Amino acid sequence: MKIAQVRAYALSLPEVIEAPHHHFSSFRAGGKIFLTVPPDEQFIHVFVAEEQRAVALLLAPECIEKLFWGDKVAGLRISLAEAKPALVKQLLMLP
């Protein structure tokens, strides 16, 4: 999946804006970040609830890993080279 596809899809969701977040791009809805993009644009970080993280990790271990913030799992790190667009879109639609 290409970062341009991710960006276009994220911005098509209701009330989503893109804004800088330190040296990352971030996508927010209602002021809350749900997606960040590191500068190299090889991965995306998606912030979903623990239940959705567990399911995603089981469905696509080849492209998804846990994203840690210190010792805490904060989201998912998704490799765009291996990610299927349908899975990424599904994760971006979750509250």
Protein backbone atom coordinates (compact mmCIF):
# COMPACT_ATOMS: atom_id res chain seq x y z
CA MET A 1 0.00 0.00 0.00
CA LYS A 2 1.26 3.49 -0.81
CA ILE A 3 1.27 6.37 1.65
CA ALA A 4 -0.73 8.47 -0.84
CA GLN A 5 -3.54 5.90 -0.60
CA VAL A 6 -3.47 6.02 3.20
CA ARG A 7 -3.50 9.82 3.21
CA ALA A 8 -6.38 10.04 0.70
CA TYR A 9 -8.45 7.48 2.58
CA ALA A 10 -7.84 9.03 6.00
CA LEU A 11 -8.77 12.48 4.73
CA SER A 12 -11.98 11.09 3.20
CA LEU A 13 -13.26 10.15 6.66
CA PRO A 14 -15.64 12.59 8.39
CA GLU A 15 -14.04 15.57 10.14
CA VAL A 16 -10.46 14.33 9.67
CA ILE A 17 -7.62 16.82 9.38
CA GLU A 18 -3.91 16.31 8.82
CA ALA A 19 -1.50 18.22 11.05
CA PRO A 20 2.14 18.00 12.08
CA HIS A 21 2.92 16.12 15.29
CA HIS A 22 6.57 16.66 16.18
CA HIS A 23 8.41 15.28 13.12
CA PHE A 24 5.48 13.01 12.13
CA SER A 25 2.33 13.70 10.14
CA SER A 26 -0.81 13.04 12.14
CA PHE A 27 -4.45 12.55 11.29
CA ARG A 28 -7.04 13.63 13.81
CA ALA A 29 -10.78 13.41 14.22
CA GLY A 30 -12.42 15.47 16.93
CA GLY A 31 -8.97 16.63 18.06
CA LYS A 32 -7.81 13.05 18.77
CA ILE A 33 -4.94 11.47 16.86
CA PHE A 34 -5.81 8.10 15.31
CA LEU A 35 -2.95 7.79 12.80
CA THR A 36 0.64 9.02 12.56
CA VAL A 37 3.13 8.71 9.74
CA PRO A 38 6.87 8.68 10.48
CA PRO A 39 9.05 10.79 8.16
CA ASP A 40 10.29 7.79 6.13
CA GLU A 41 6.66 6.93 5.20
CA GLN A 42 7.46 3.19 5.21
CA PHE A 43 5.17 2.54 8.19
CA ILE A 44 2.03 3.99 9.71
CA HIS A 45 1.04 3.99 13.37
CA VAL A 46 -2.64 3.36 14.02
CA PHE A 47 -4.18 3.89 17.45
CA VAL A 48 -7.06 1.50 18.12
CA ALA A 49 -8.47 -0.21 21.21
CA GLU A 50 -6.78 -3.28 22.65
CA GLU A 51 -9.41 -5.66 21.23
CA GLN A 52 -8.87 -4.40 17.68
CA ARG A 53 -5.10 -4.54 18.13
CA ALA A 54 -5.27 -8.20 19.17
CA VAL A 55 -7.40 -9.15 16.17
CA ALA A 56 -5.21 -7.22 13.70
CA LEU A 57 -2.06 -8.85 15.07
CA LEU A 58 -3.62 -12.28 14.53
CA LEU A 59 -4.89 -11.47 11.03
CA ALA A 60 -1.73 -9.92 9.61
CA PRO A 61 1.41 -10.70 11.63
CA GLU A 62 3.48 -10.33 8.45
CA CYS A 63 2.87 -6.58 8.34
CA ILE A 64 1.59 -5.53 11.78
CA GLU A 65 3.40 -5.33 15.09
CA LYS A 66 2.70 -3.73 18.44
CA LEU A 67 3.62 -0.07 18.76
CA PHE A 68 5.09 0.68 22.16
CA TRP A 69 5.14 3.96 24.07
CA GLY A 70 7.62 3.14 26.80
CA ASP A 71 6.43 -0.14 28.32
CA LYS A 72 2.83 0.35 27.18
CA VAL A 73 1.35 -0.83 23.89
CA ALA A 74 -0.14 2.30 22.34
CA GLY A 75 -1.17 1.10 18.91
CA LEU A 76 -0.10 -0.79 15.82
CA ARG A 77 2.92 -0.28 13.56
CA ILE A 78 1.99 -1.31 10.03
CA SER A 79 4.50 -1.91 7.25
CA LEU A 80 3.02 -0.38 4.12
CA ALA A 81 5.08 -2.59 1.79
CA GLU A 82 3.18 -5.68 2.98
CA ALA A 83 -0.15 -4.21 4.11
CA LYS A 84 -3.35 -4.95 2.25
CA PRO A 85 -5.41 -1.80 1.60
CA ALA A 86 -8.64 -3.41 2.87
CA LEU A 87 -7.10 -4.15 6.27
CA VAL A 88 -5.63 -0.65 6.64
CA LYS A 89 -8.97 0.92 5.69
CA GLN A 90 -10.77 -1.26 8.20
CA LEU A 91 -8.39 -0.24 10.99
CA LEU A 92 -8.74 3.44 10.11
CA MET A 93 -12.53 3.24 10.36
CA LEU A 94 -12.47 1.94 13.94
CA PRO A 95 -13.31 4.43 16.70
